[in-house]
Amino acid sequence: MRLLRSIPLLSLPLLAPAHPTSHQAAELTPLPLIIWHGLGDDFTRSGLTDLATYASTLIPGTYVHLIHIGDTSSSDRQATFLGNLTEQVSTVCEQIAADPILSTAPAVNALGFSQGGQFLRGYIERCNNPPVRNLVTFGSQHNGISEFQECQWTDFACRGAEALLRWGKWSSLVQSQFVPAQYFRDPAELKPYLQNSNFLADINNERVLKNQTYKENLSKLNRFAMFLFEDDTIVHPVESSWFAEIDPESGDVIPLRERQIYKEDWLGLKEIDERGGLEFGTLQGDHMQLHEDDLERVFKEYFGPVKVDVENVPTLVSQGY
């Protein structure tokens, strides 16, 4: 993930108390924000650390947690290419639950960059502790990818992951070790996808046996905003960012609301939509080319402070920013 323009480094404000006292109960309080980065990125990159500082400055008192699989920049970046997503999501569930600020918060907000968006859905569906209030995703592949991103020749982590594809994308080895393969989904190959997908087929509840916990957890979202980059050259198909599908025969786009995953409400998306919480946004530019004005608008719209009912945590009263 790269920002189109580097966000200036700003001084961090003092954090607000995790639990307001009774006389503060009527005040607007920012929820913590968790961020999951995308393919080829790591939690130490200046673009992400500057973003965390930016969020804390734009909305004073916001505690930001950058999700990471590895404890070093190289190991965290490698984990975006290589690793088992089931295990990675489990690791993140434990990581967030162990954070002293996140674990005592009534709820958190969540921001996913590219593949980090569908991974955050995995967190919500599988554990959701603490619960996510608003989920925002930028250029995420909610309905999978039908093409793999090409690697630069000097990118050895990516090249090593790419080599696994020679075993076949539906092999148990690839599905347990090559991260992008675990959200590969070609409508022309639905049978092997449903049989072998290690991650996406499960969190999208596409198999015959539906996981009701996934639906219950995701439907608890207050707002779920999915942003698509209109000139995206990385995500194929780009409409995956909106949970849409491409008809393999006609090539036509099948919007989410016309798909069975919505009509039969396998994930609770219809439930969220009917109460006005499911949102489809468009951003100009190529994949992850984010402008500061877009970031400011999104942060204020979705991550602004809320009124916390401390007598009945985690009940939250929606407030504008």
C-alpha atoms as a PDB file:
ATOM      1  CA  MET A   1       0.000   0.000   0.000  1.00  0.00           C
ATOM      2  CA  ARG A   2       1.352   3.384  -0.959  1.00  0.00           C
ATOM      3  CA  LEU A   3      -0.142   6.787  -0.347  1.00  0.00           C
ATOM      4  CA  LEU A   4      -0.196   9.041  -3.395  1.00  0.00           C
ATOM      5  CA  ARG A   5       1.203  11.853  -1.287  1.00  0.00           C
ATOM      6  CA  SER A   6       3.083  11.292   1.926  1.00  0.00           C
ATOM      7  CA  ILE A   7       1.102  12.419   4.939  1.00  0.00           C
ATOM      8  CA  PRO A   8       3.213  14.841   7.004  1.00  0.00           C
ATOM      9  CA  LEU A   9       4.481  13.544  10.305  1.00  0.00           C
ATOM     10  CA  LEU A  10       2.360  15.091  13.022  1.00  0.00           C
ATOM     11  CA  SER A  11       2.791  15.040  16.767  1.00  0.00           C
ATOM     12  CA  LEU A  12       0.620  12.552  18.616  1.00  0.00           C
ATOM     13  CA  PRO A  13      -1.937  14.009  21.011  1.00  0.00           C
ATOM     14  CA  LEU A  14      -2.542  12.571  24.440  1.00  0.00           C
ATOM     15  CA  LEU A  15      -4.816   9.530  24.334  1.00  0.00           C
ATOM     16  CA  ALA A  16      -8.227   9.730  25.925  1.00  0.00           C
ATOM     17  CA  PRO A  17      -8.960   7.252  28.734  1.00  0.00           C
ATOM     18  CA  ALA A  18     -10.093   3.836  27.501  1.00  0.00           C
ATOM     19  CA  HIS A  19     -13.057   3.954  29.889  1.00  0.00           C
ATOM     20  CA  PRO A  20     -14.749   7.321  30.452  1.00  0.00           C
ATOM     21  CA  THR A  21     -15.791   8.068  34.026  1.00  0.00           C
ATOM     22  CA  SER A  22     -19.492   8.499  34.752  1.00  0.00           C
ATOM     23  CA  HIS A  23     -19.384  12.287  34.331  1.00  0.00           C
ATOM     24  CA  GLN A  24     -17.790  11.799  30.919  1.00  0.00           C
ATOM     25  CA  ALA A  25     -20.439   9.342  29.741  1.00  0.00           C
ATOM     26  CA  ALA A  26     -22.298  11.950  27.704  1.00  0.00           C
ATOM     27  CA  GLU A  27     -19.162  13.106  25.885  1.00  0.00           C
ATOM     28  CA  LEU A  28     -18.194  12.018  22.392  1.00  0.00           C
ATOM     29  CA  THR A  29     -15.372   9.508  22.548  1.00  0.00           C
ATOM     30  CA  PRO A  30     -13.255   8.191  19.639  1.00  0.00           C
ATOM     31  CA  LEU A  31     -13.094   4.429  19.353  1.00  0.00           C
ATOM     32  CA  PRO A  32      -9.756   2.691  18.763  1.00  0.00           C
ATOM     33  CA  LEU A  33      -8.896   2.040  15.118  1.00  0.00           C
ATOM     34  CA  ILE A  34      -7.325  -1.167  13.816  1.00  0.00           C
ATOM     35  CA  ILE A  35      -5.658  -1.159  10.385  1.00  0.00           C
ATOM     36  CA  TRP A  36      -4.662  -4.185   8.289  1.00  0.00           C
ATOM     37  CA  HIS A  37      -2.289  -3.384   5.421  1.00  0.00           C
ATOM     38  CA  GLY A  38      -2.092  -4.976   2.005  1.00  0.00           C
ATOM     39  CA  LEU A  39       0.117  -7.242  -0.106  1.00  0.00           C
ATOM     40  CA  GLY A  40       3.811  -6.382  -0.081  1.00  0.00           C
ATOM     41  CA  ASP A  41       3.505  -3.887   2.759  1.00  0.00           C
ATOM     42  CA  ASP A  42       4.542  -4.061   6.418  1.00  0.00           C
ATOM     43  CA  PHE A  43       3.526  -2.360   9.635  1.00  0.00           C
ATOM     44  CA  THR A  44       6.762  -0.348   9.938  1.00  0.00           C
ATOM     45  CA  ARG A  45       6.409   1.490   6.614  1.00  0.00           C
ATOM     46  CA  SER A  46       6.329   5.265   6.932  1.00  0.00           C
ATOM     47  CA  GLY A  47       3.091   5.415   4.934  1.00  0.00           C
ATOM     48  CA  LEU A  48       1.325   3.424   7.637  1.00  0.00           C
ATOM     49  CA  THR A  49       2.974   4.944  10.677  1.00  0.00           C
ATOM     50  CA  ASP A  50       2.320   8.424   9.312  1.00  0.00           C
ATOM     51  CA  LEU A  51      -1.284   7.391   8.699  1.00  0.00           C
ATOM     52  CA  ALA A  52      -1.638   6.286  12.330  1.00  0.00           C
ATOM     53  CA  THR A  53      -0.298   9.653  13.447  1.00  0.00           C
ATOM     54  CA  TYR A  54      -2.617  11.423  11.003  1.00  0.00           C
ATOM     55  CA  ALA A  55      -5.669   9.576  12.390  1.00  0.00           C
ATOM     56  CA  SER A  56      -4.740  10.436  15.966  1.00  0.00           C
ATOM     57  CA  THR A  57      -4.281  14.080  15.044  1.00  0.00           C
ATOM     58  CA  LEU A  58      -7.384  14.433  12.872  1.00  0.00           C
ATOM     59  CA  ILE A  59      -9.548  12.780  15.540  1.00  0.00           C
ATOM     60  CA  PRO A  60      -7.801  13.531  18.842  1.00  0.00           C
ATOM     61  CA  GLY A  61      -7.703  10.677  21.303  1.00  0.00           C
ATOM     62  CA  THR A  62      -7.858   7.922  18.675  1.00  0.00           C
ATOM     63  CA  TYR A  63      -5.717   4.914  19.559  1.00  0.00           C
ATOM     64  CA  VAL A  64      -4.441   3.202  16.396  1.00  0.00           C
ATOM     65  CA  HIS A  65      -3.246  -0.384  16.197  1.00  0.00           C
ATOM     66  CA  LEU A  66      -1.390  -1.545  13.067  1.00  0.00           C
ATOM     67  CA  ILE A  67      -2.023  -5.240  12.615  1.00  0.00           C
ATOM     68  CA  HIS A  68       1.083  -7.315  11.930  1.00  0.00           C
ATOM     69  CA  ILE A  69       1.782 -11.001  11.478  1.00  0.00           C
ATOM     70  CA  GLY A  70       5.554 -10.736  11.861  1.00  0.00           C
ATOM     71  CA  ASP A  71       7.413  -8.755  14.518  1.00  0.00           C
ATOM     72  CA  THR A  72       9.894  -7.318  12.007  1.00  0.00           C
ATOM     73  CA  SER A  73       9.365  -5.456   8.758  1.00  0.00           C
ATOM     74  CA  SER A  74      10.746  -8.320   6.651  1.00  0.00           C
ATOM     75  CA  SER A  75       8.755 -11.054   8.399  1.00  0.00           C
ATOM     76  CA  ASP A  76       5.543  -9.036   8.304  1.00  0.00           C
ATOM     77  CA  ARG A  77       5.984  -8.300   4.612  1.00  0.00           C
ATOM     78  CA  GLN A  78       6.778 -11.936   3.832  1.00  0.00           C
ATOM     79  CA  ALA A  79       3.574 -12.963   5.613  1.00  0.00           C
ATOM     80  CA  THR A  80       1.562 -10.986   3.046  1.00  0.00           C
ATOM     81  CA  PHE A  81       2.743 -13.482   0.398  1.00  0.00           C
ATOM     82  CA  LEU A  82       3.426 -16.679   2.323  1.00  0.00           C
ATOM     83  CA  GLY A  83       1.399 -18.213   5.109  1.00  0.00           C
ATOM     84  CA  ASN A  84      -1.860 -19.861   6.060  1.00  0.00           C
ATOM     85  CA  LEU A  85      -4.662 -17.290   6.304  1.00  0.00           C
ATOM     86  CA  THR A  86      -6.640 -19.371   8.770  1.00  0.00           C
ATOM     87  CA  GLU A  87      -3.654 -19.287  11.107  1.00  0.00           C
ATOM     88  CA  GLN A  88      -2.943 -15.616  10.398  1.00  0.00           C
ATOM     89  CA  VAL A  89      -6.482 -14.529  11.260  1.00  0.00           C
ATOM     90  CA  SER A  90      -6.296 -16.588  14.447  1.00  0.00           C
ATOM     91  CA  THR A  91      -3.017 -14.844  15.319  1.00  0.00           C
ATOM     92  CA  VAL A  92      -4.619 -11.444  14.787  1.00  0.00           C
ATOM     93  CA  CYS A  93      -7.607 -12.399  16.932  1.00  0.00           C
ATOM     94  CA  GLU A  94      -5.193 -13.204  19.766  1.00  0.00           C
ATOM     95  CA  GLN A  95      -3.108 -10.077  19.090  1.00  0.00           C
ATOM     96  CA  ILE A  96      -6.091  -7.741  19.313  1.00  0.00           C
ATOM     97  CA  ALA A  97      -7.610  -9.474  22.332  1.00  0.00           C
ATOM     98  CA  ALA A  98      -4.269  -9.171  24.144  1.00  0.00           C
ATOM     99  CA  ASP A  99      -3.903  -5.430  23.572  1.00  0.00           C
ATOM    100  CA  PRO A 100      -4.750  -3.708  26.886  1.00  0.00           C
ATOM    101  CA  ILE A 101      -6.486  -0.769  25.193  1.00  0.00           C
ATOM    102  CA  LEU A 102      -8.318  -2.667  22.461  1.00  0.00           C
ATOM    103  CA  SER A 103      -9.455  -5.450  24.789  1.00  0.00           C
ATOM    104  CA  THR A 104     -11.105  -3.005  27.199  1.00  0.00           C
ATOM    105  CA  ALA A 105     -12.779  -0.876  24.527  1.00  0.00           C
ATOM    106  CA  PRO A 106     -16.542  -1.256  24.019  1.00  0.00           C
ATOM    107  CA  ALA A 107     -15.876  -1.543  20.276  1.00  0.00           C
ATOM    108  CA  VAL A 108     -13.307  -0.603  17.623  1.00  0.00           C
ATOM    109  CA  ASN A 109     -13.362   0.726  14.084  1.00  0.00           C
ATOM    110  CA  ALA A 110     -11.493  -1.083  11.321  1.00  0.00           C
ATOM    111  CA  LEU A 111      -9.761  -0.032   8.103  1.00  0.00           C
ATOM    112  CA  GLY A 112      -8.531  -2.537   5.524  1.00  0.00           C
ATOM    113  CA  PHE A 113      -6.154  -1.751   2.684  1.00  0.00           C
ATOM    114  CA  SER A 114      -6.461  -4.074  -0.330  1.00  0.00           C
ATOM    115  CA  GLN A 115      -6.288  -7.722   0.858  1.00  0.00           C
ATOM    116  CA  GLY A 116      -6.338  -6.482   4.443  1.00  0.00           C
ATOM    117  CA  GLY A 117     -10.026  -5.683   3.910  1.00  0.00           C
ATOM    118  CA  GLN A 118     -11.191  -9.269   3.424  1.00  0.00           C
ATOM    119  CA  PHE A 119      -8.826 -10.370   6.191  1.00  0.00           C
ATOM    120  CA  LEU A 120     -10.565  -7.962   8.568  1.00  0.00           C
ATOM    121  CA  ARG A 121     -13.864  -9.554   7.599  1.00  0.00           C
ATOM    122  CA  GLY A 122     -12.295 -12.839   8.629  1.00  0.00           C
ATOM    123  CA  TYR A 123     -11.501 -11.317  12.014  1.00  0.00           C
ATOM    124  CA  ILE A 124     -15.057 -10.023  12.413  1.00  0.00           C
ATOM    125  CA  GLU A 125     -16.714 -13.258  11.345  1.00  0.00           C
ATOM    126  CA  ARG A 126     -14.468 -15.611  13.292  1.00  0.00           C
ATOM    127  CA  CYS A 127     -13.855 -13.801  16.588  1.00  0.00           C
ATOM    128  CA  ASN A 128     -14.921 -10.118  16.676  1.00  0.00           C
ATOM    129  CA  ASN A 129     -13.540  -9.539  20.158  1.00  0.00           C
ATOM    130  CA  PRO A 130     -13.614  -6.596  20.641  1.00  0.00           C
ATOM    131  CA  PRO A 131     -16.465  -6.046  18.176  1.00  0.00           C
ATOM    132  CA  VAL A 132     -15.991  -3.856  15.113  1.00  0.00           C
ATOM    133  CA  ARG A 133     -18.427  -0.961  14.811  1.00  0.00           C
ATOM    134  CA  ASN A 134     -17.581   0.494  11.374  1.00  0.00           C
ATOM    135  CA  LEU A 135     -15.578  -1.352   8.703  1.00  0.00           C
ATOM    136  CA  VAL A 136     -14.054   0.532   5.765  1.00  0.00           C
ATOM    137  CA  THR A 137     -12.153  -1.207   2.960  1.00  0.00           C
ATOM    138  CA  PHE A 138     -10.098   0.343   0.164  1.00  0.00           C
ATOM    139  CA  GLY A 139      -9.696  -1.715  -3.022  1.00  0.00           C
ATOM    140  CA  SER A 140     -10.288  -5.011  -1.219  1.00  0.00           C
ATOM    141  CA  GLN A 141     -11.013  -8.264  -3.016  1.00  0.00           C
ATOM    142  CA  HIS A 142     -14.216  -9.283  -1.224  1.00  0.00           C
ATOM    143  CA  ASN A 143     -15.266 -11.561  -4.047  1.00  0.00           C
ATOM    144  CA  GLY A 144     -11.738 -12.720  -4.769  1.00  0.00           C
ATOM    145  CA  ILE A 145      -9.406 -12.298  -7.721  1.00  0.00           C
ATOM    146  CA  SER A 146      -9.417 -14.138 -11.038  1.00  0.00           C
ATOM    147  CA  GLU A 147      -5.846 -13.109 -11.938  1.00  0.00           C
ATOM    148  CA  PHE A 148      -2.670 -12.982  -9.868  1.00  0.00           C
ATOM    149  CA  GLN A 149      -0.624  -9.811  -9.622  1.00  0.00           C
ATOM    150  CA  GLU A 150       2.705 -10.001 -11.436  1.00  0.00           C
ATOM    151  CA  CYS A 151       5.872  -9.791  -9.336  1.00  0.00           C
ATOM    152  CA  GLN A 152       8.848  -7.564  -9.953  1.00  0.00           C
ATOM    153  CA  TRP A 153      11.914  -9.636 -10.771  1.00  0.00           C
ATOM    154  CA  THR A 154      13.836  -8.289  -7.746  1.00  0.00           C
ATOM    155  CA  ASP A 155      10.969  -8.983  -5.339  1.00  0.00           C
ATOM    156  CA  PHE A 156      12.188 -12.293  -3.926  1.00  0.00           C
ATOM    157  CA  ALA A 157       9.373 -12.788  -1.417  1.00  0.00           C
ATOM    158  CA  CYS A 158       6.834 -12.380  -4.187  1.00  0.00           C
ATOM    159  CA  ARG A 159       8.818 -14.562  -6.595  1.00  0.00           C
ATOM    160  CA  GLY A 160       9.079 -17.306  -4.005  1.00  0.00           C
ATOM    161  CA  ALA A 161       5.340 -17.204  -3.451  1.00  0.00           C
ATOM    162  CA  GLU A 162       4.762 -17.200  -7.207  1.00  0.00           C
ATOM    163  CA  ALA A 163       6.841 -20.355  -7.524  1.00  0.00           C
ATOM    164  CA  LEU A 164       4.288 -22.183  -5.386  1.00  0.00           C
ATOM    165  CA  LEU A 165       1.734 -21.698  -8.151  1.00  0.00           C
ATOM    166  CA  ARG A 166       3.638 -24.211 -10.219  1.00  0.00           C
ATOM    167  CA  TRP A 167       2.184 -26.849  -7.924  1.00  0.00           C
ATOM    168  CA  GLY A 168      -1.294 -25.748  -8.999  1.00  0.00           C
ATOM    169  CA  LYS A 169      -3.455 -23.107  -7.350  1.00  0.00           C
ATOM    170  CA  TRP A 170      -5.884 -25.664  -5.940  1.00  0.00           C
ATOM    171  CA  SER A 171      -3.272 -27.945  -4.393  1.00  0.00           C
ATOM    172  CA  SER A 172      -3.237 -28.252  -0.606  1.00  0.00           C
ATOM    173  CA  LEU A 173       0.325 -26.890  -0.538  1.00  0.00           C
ATOM    174  CA  VAL A 174      -0.536 -23.703  -2.396  1.00  0.00           C
ATOM    175  CA  GLN A 175      -3.829 -23.201  -0.568  1.00  0.00           C
ATOM    176  CA  SER A 176      -2.055 -23.460   2.772  1.00  0.00           C
ATOM    177  CA  GLN A 177       0.987 -21.334   1.935  1.00  0.00           C
ATOM    178  CA  PHE A 178       0.399 -18.823  -0.893  1.00  0.00           C
ATOM    179  CA  VAL A 179      -1.716 -15.982   0.487  1.00  0.00           C
ATOM    180  CA  PRO A 180      -3.262 -14.596  -2.770  1.00  0.00           C
ATOM    181  CA  ALA A 181      -4.261 -18.114  -3.836  1.00  0.00           C
ATOM    182  CA  GLN A 182      -6.428 -18.330  -0.735  1.00  0.00           C
ATOM    183  CA  TYR A 183      -8.699 -15.612  -2.092  1.00  0.00           C
ATOM    184  CA  PHE A 184      -8.461 -16.644  -5.755  1.00  0.00           C
ATOM    185  CA  ARG A 185     -11.955 -17.082  -7.200  1.00  0.00           C
ATOM    186  CA  ASP A 186     -12.735 -17.608 -10.873  1.00  0.00           C
ATOM    187  CA  PRO A 187     -16.489 -18.096 -11.583  1.00  0.00           C
ATOM    188  CA  ALA A 188     -15.455 -20.494 -14.352  1.00  0.00           C
ATOM    189  CA  GLU A 189     -13.761 -22.711 -11.725  1.00  0.00           C
ATOM    190  CA  LEU A 190     -16.347 -22.702  -8.951  1.00  0.00           C
ATOM    191  CA  LYS A 191     -16.248 -26.444  -8.282  1.00  0.00           C
ATOM    192  CA  PRO A 192     -12.506 -26.671  -7.464  1.00  0.00           C
ATOM    193  CA  TYR A 193     -12.788 -23.339  -5.649  1.00  0.00           C
ATOM    194  CA  LEU A 194     -15.542 -24.573  -3.342  1.00  0.00           C
ATOM    195  CA  GLN A 195     -13.723 -27.840  -2.760  1.00  0.00           C
ATOM    196  CA  ASN A 196     -10.261 -26.441  -2.089  1.00  0.00           C
ATOM    197  CA  SER A 197     -10.329 -22.764  -1.126  1.00  0.00           C
ATOM    198  CA  ASN A 198      -8.660 -22.400   2.257  1.00  0.00           C
ATOM    199  CA  PHE A 199     -10.064 -18.972   3.065  1.00  0.00           C
ATOM    200  CA  LEU A 200     -12.424 -17.036   0.802  1.00  0.00           C
ATOM    201  CA  ALA A 201     -15.029 -19.749   0.185  1.00  0.00           C
ATOM    202  CA  ASP A 202     -15.281 -20.124   3.952  1.00  0.00           C
ATOM    203  CA  ILE A 203     -15.548 -16.477   5.033  1.00  0.00           C
ATOM    204  CA  ASN A 204     -17.953 -15.781   2.143  1.00  0.00           C
ATOM    205  CA  ASN A 205     -20.130 -18.654   3.410  1.00  0.00           C
ATOM    206  CA  GLU A 206     -20.406 -20.112  -0.093  1.00  0.00           C
ATOM    207  CA  ARG A 207     -20.397 -23.775   0.814  1.00  0.00           C
ATOM    208  CA  VAL A 208     -23.582 -25.753   1.375  1.00  0.00           C
ATOM    209  CA  LEU A 209     -23.237 -25.738   5.154  1.00  0.00           C
ATOM    210  CA  LYS A 210     -23.509 -22.108   6.265  1.00  0.00           C
ATOM    211  CA  ASN A 211     -21.753 -20.790   9.354  1.00  0.00           C
ATOM    212  CA  GLN A 212     -24.406 -18.798  11.207  1.00  0.00           C
ATOM    213  CA  THR A 213     -21.812 -17.242  13.513  1.00  0.00           C
ATOM    214  CA  TYR A 214     -20.217 -15.542  10.510  1.00  0.00           C
ATOM    215  CA  LYS A 215     -23.551 -13.988   9.568  1.00  0.00           C
ATOM    216  CA  GLU A 216     -24.375 -12.986  13.131  1.00  0.00           C
ATOM    217  CA  ASN A 217     -21.005 -11.328  13.678  1.00  0.00           C
ATOM    218  CA  LEU A 218     -20.845  -9.426  10.377  1.00  0.00           C
ATOM    219  CA  SER A 219     -24.462  -8.260  10.602  1.00  0.00           C
ATOM    220  CA  LYS A 220     -23.595  -6.487  13.866  1.00  0.00           C
ATOM    221  CA  LEU A 221     -21.616  -3.896  11.895  1.00  0.00           C
ATOM    222  CA  ASN A 222     -23.053  -0.417  12.182  1.00  0.00           C
ATOM    223  CA  ARG A 223     -21.632   0.580   8.784  1.00  0.00           C
ATOM    224  CA  PHE A 224     -19.705  -1.338   6.135  1.00  0.00           C
ATOM    225  CA  ALA A 225     -18.208   0.927   3.451  1.00  0.00           C
ATOM    226  CA  MET A 226     -16.486  -0.611   0.433  1.00  0.00           C
ATOM    227  CA  PHE A 227     -14.415   1.713  -1.749  1.00  0.00           C
ATOM    228  CA  LEU A 228     -13.462   0.817  -5.331  1.00  0.00           C
ATOM    229  CA  PHE A 229     -10.674   2.510  -7.301  1.00  0.00           C
ATOM    230  CA  GLU A 230     -12.123   3.417 -10.684  1.00  0.00           C
ATOM    231  CA  ASP A 231      -8.785   3.040 -12.531  1.00  0.00           C
ATOM    232  CA  ASP A 232      -7.626  -0.043 -10.606  1.00  0.00           C
ATOM    233  CA  THR A 233      -5.139  -2.104 -12.647  1.00  0.00           C
ATOM    234  CA  ILE A 234      -4.228  -4.510  -9.820  1.00  0.00           C
ATOM    235  CA  VAL A 235      -7.542  -6.044  -8.730  1.00  0.00           C
ATOM    236  CA  HIS A 236      -9.120  -8.364 -11.313  1.00  0.00           C
ATOM    237  CA  PRO A 237     -12.014  -7.969 -11.505  1.00  0.00           C
ATOM    238  CA  VAL A 238     -12.111  -4.486 -10.008  1.00  0.00           C
ATOM    239  CA  GLU A 239     -15.791  -4.964  -9.099  1.00  0.00           C
ATOM    240  CA  SER A 240     -14.682  -7.491  -6.476  1.00  0.00           C
ATOM    241  CA  SER A 241     -14.172  -4.460  -4.225  1.00  0.00           C
ATOM    242  CA  TRP A 242     -17.990  -4.158  -4.162  1.00  0.00           C
ATOM    243  CA  PHE A 243     -18.657  -7.918  -3.781  1.00  0.00           C
ATOM    244  CA  ALA A 244     -19.755  -8.052  -7.434  1.00  0.00           C
ATOM    245  CA  GLU A 245     -19.132 -10.945  -9.814  1.00  0.00           C
ATOM    246  CA  ILE A 246     -18.357 -11.236 -13.526  1.00  0.00           C
ATOM    247  CA  ASP A 247     -20.527 -13.607 -15.544  1.00  0.00           C
ATOM    248  CA  PRO A 248     -17.980 -15.995 -17.145  1.00  0.00           C
ATOM    249  CA  GLU A 249     -20.062 -16.372 -20.300  1.00  0.00           C
ATOM    250  CA  SER A 250     -21.320 -12.861 -21.028  1.00  0.00           C
ATOM    251  CA  GLY A 251     -18.670 -10.888 -19.184  1.00  0.00           C
ATOM    252  CA  ASP A 252     -21.400  -8.784 -17.579  1.00  0.00           C
ATOM    253  CA  VAL A 253     -21.021  -7.495 -14.052  1.00  0.00           C
ATOM    254  CA  ILE A 254     -23.449  -9.041 -11.564  1.00  0.00           C
ATOM    255  CA  PRO A 255     -23.927  -6.528  -8.723  1.00  0.00           C
ATOM    256  CA  LEU A 256     -23.971  -7.767  -5.156  1.00  0.00           C
ATOM    257  CA  ARG A 257     -27.715  -7.199  -4.737  1.00  0.00           C
ATOM    258  CA  GLU A 258     -28.410  -9.552  -7.665  1.00  0.00           C
ATOM    259  CA  ARG A 259     -26.308 -12.397  -6.274  1.00  0.00           C
ATOM    260  CA  GLN A 260     -27.422 -15.299  -4.093  1.00  0.00           C
ATOM    261  CA  ILE A 261     -24.940 -14.357  -1.373  1.00  0.00           C
ATOM    262  CA  TYR A 262     -27.088 -11.237  -0.903  1.00  0.00           C
ATOM    263  CA  LYS A 263     -30.560 -12.541  -1.735  1.00  0.00           C
ATOM    264  CA  GLU A 264     -30.243 -15.460   0.694  1.00  0.00           C
ATOM    265  CA  ASP A 265     -28.194 -13.281   3.058  1.00  0.00           C
ATOM    266  CA  TRP A 266     -25.389 -15.753   3.695  1.00  0.00           C
ATOM    267  CA  LEU A 267     -23.296 -13.101   5.461  1.00  0.00           C
ATOM    268  CA  GLY A 268     -25.798 -10.580   6.782  1.00  0.00           C
ATOM    269  CA  LEU A 269     -24.982  -8.064   4.022  1.00  0.00           C
ATOM    270  CA  LYS A 270     -28.656  -7.724   3.132  1.00  0.00           C
ATOM    271  CA  GLU A 271     -29.520  -7.096   6.760  1.00  0.00           C
ATOM    272  CA  ILE A 272     -26.887  -4.353   6.990  1.00  0.00           C
ATOM    273  CA  ASP A 273     -28.088  -2.871   3.689  1.00  0.00           C
ATOM    274  CA  GLU A 274     -31.759  -2.774   4.701  1.00  0.00           C
ATOM    275  CA  ARG A 275     -30.962  -0.632   7.708  1.00  0.00           C
ATOM    276  CA  GLY A 276     -28.805   1.694   5.573  1.00  0.00           C
ATOM    277  CA  GLY A 277     -25.369   0.543   6.705  1.00  0.00           C
ATOM    278  CA  LEU A 278     -23.959  -0.980   3.488  1.00  0.00           C
ATOM    279  CA  GLU A 279     -22.197   1.597   1.346  1.00  0.00           C
ATOM    280  CA  PHE A 280     -20.470   1.518  -2.051  1.00  0.00           C
ATOM    281  CA  GLY A 281     -17.897   4.237  -2.695  1.00  0.00           C
ATOM    282  CA  THR A 282     -15.674   5.151  -5.640  1.00  0.00           C
ATOM    283  CA  LEU A 283     -12.236   6.734  -5.505  1.00  0.00           C
ATOM    284  CA  GLN A 284     -10.284   8.170  -8.419  1.00  0.00           C
ATOM    285  CA  GLY A 285      -6.950   6.699  -9.426  1.00  0.00           C
ATOM    286  CA  ASP A 286      -5.215   3.355  -9.574  1.00  0.00           C
ATOM    287  CA  HIS A 287      -5.043   0.791  -6.799  1.00  0.00           C
ATOM    288  CA  MET A 288      -4.285   2.367  -3.403  1.00  0.00           C
ATOM    289  CA  GLN A 289      -3.581   5.826  -4.840  1.00  0.00           C
ATOM    290  CA  LEU A 290      -5.119   7.647  -1.911  1.00  0.00           C
ATOM    291  CA  HIS A 291      -5.436  11.408  -1.655  1.00  0.00           C
ATOM    292  CA  GLU A 292      -5.353  13.197   1.663  1.00  0.00           C
ATOM    293  CA  ASP A 293      -8.745  14.805   1.101  1.00  0.00           C
ATOM    294  CA  ASP A 294     -10.288  11.342   0.579  1.00  0.00           C
ATOM    295  CA  LEU A 295      -8.645  10.078   3.753  1.00  0.00           C
ATOM    296  CA  GLU A 296      -9.865  13.063   5.755  1.00  0.00           C
ATOM    297  CA  ARG A 297     -13.406  12.633   4.494  1.00  0.00           C
ATOM    298  CA  VAL A 298     -13.468   8.911   5.237  1.00  0.00           C
ATOM    299  CA  PHE A 299     -11.886   9.242   8.665  1.00  0.00           C
ATOM    300  CA  LYS A 300     -14.326  11.950   9.761  1.00  0.00           C
ATOM    301  CA  GLU A 301     -17.317  10.110   8.301  1.00  0.00           C
ATOM    302  CA  TYR A 302     -16.644   6.648   9.707  1.00  0.00           C
ATOM    303  CA  PHE A 303     -14.122   6.973  12.530  1.00  0.00           C
ATOM    304  CA  GLY A 304     -15.347  10.084  14.306  1.00  0.00           C
ATOM    305  CA  PRO A 305     -16.183   9.943  18.014  1.00  0.00           C
ATOM    306  CA  VAL A 306     -19.331   8.246  19.277  1.00  0.00           C
ATOM    307  CA  LYS A 307     -21.331   8.560  22.450  1.00  0.00           C
ATOM    308  CA  VAL A 308     -20.486   5.596  24.643  1.00  0.00           C
ATOM    309  CA  ASP A 309     -23.080   4.287  27.095  1.00  0.00           C
ATOM    310  CA  VAL A 310     -20.735   3.217  29.892  1.00  0.00           C
ATOM    311  CA  GLU A 311     -23.599   1.794  31.918  1.00  0.00           C
ATOM    312  CA  ASN A 312     -24.415  -0.738  29.218  1.00  0.00           C
ATOM    313  CA  VAL A 313     -21.158  -1.360  27.364  1.00  0.00           C
ATOM    314  CA  PRO A 314     -20.891  -2.215  24.488  1.00  0.00           C
ATOM    315  CA  THR A 315     -24.078  -0.327  23.565  1.00  0.00           C
ATOM    316  CA  LEU A 316     -23.190   2.621  21.327  1.00  0.00           C
ATOM    317  CA  VAL A 317     -25.251   5.609  20.322  1.00  0.00           C
ATOM    318  CA  SER A 318     -24.490   6.792  16.785  1.00  0.00           C
ATOM    319  CA  GLN A 319     -23.300  10.378  16.503  1.00  0.00           C
ATOM    320  CA  GLY A 320     -22.067  12.392  13.548  1.00  0.00           C
ATOM    321  CA  TYR A 321     -18.654  14.019  13.513  1.00  0.00           C
END
